[in-house]
Amino acid sequence: MVNFKTPSVKIILPILLAIFFFTSFQDSGKISYFQPQTLMDQADTVVGFPSMTDGIPDTLFQIRSANGYPIAYYKKIFTGVCFDSECRMLDIVLYWNITGRYLGFELPEGEFLSKSDHQAFSEN
């Protein structure tokens, strides 16, 4: 369990998580889309739950409030997307609330969502 108890991290983490939850497409190079979060508690701790998926180590992350209550979950996904024998790696982080409602996604700088021919979608 990663516990953020220093004052600067306790201030920065909620701000970063709020940015993640409330941002939409921006020109920063990162692509993200988020719906309003369901629970308005401030994030205090992120807990990782290691697992195995098809023999590959994996982690599910839980965002918790200062009281230890779960606020949301996220998962980092790095996988191949293949169409007609042409494959492209996808690097994405998916977020959802504690009831499973989809909250949004974030793509690292330079990553993009693509159509079936691996051409990037436009912002529209």
Foldseek 3Di string as FASTA:
>chain_A
DDFDDDPVCQVVQQVVVVCLAPDAQDPPLKHKHFDHFDDPAGFGDKDWDWDADPNHIFIKIFTAHPVGHTFKIKGWDWDWDDAPNDIDIATKMWMDGPVRHGTMIIGPRPGADADRVRHGDDPD
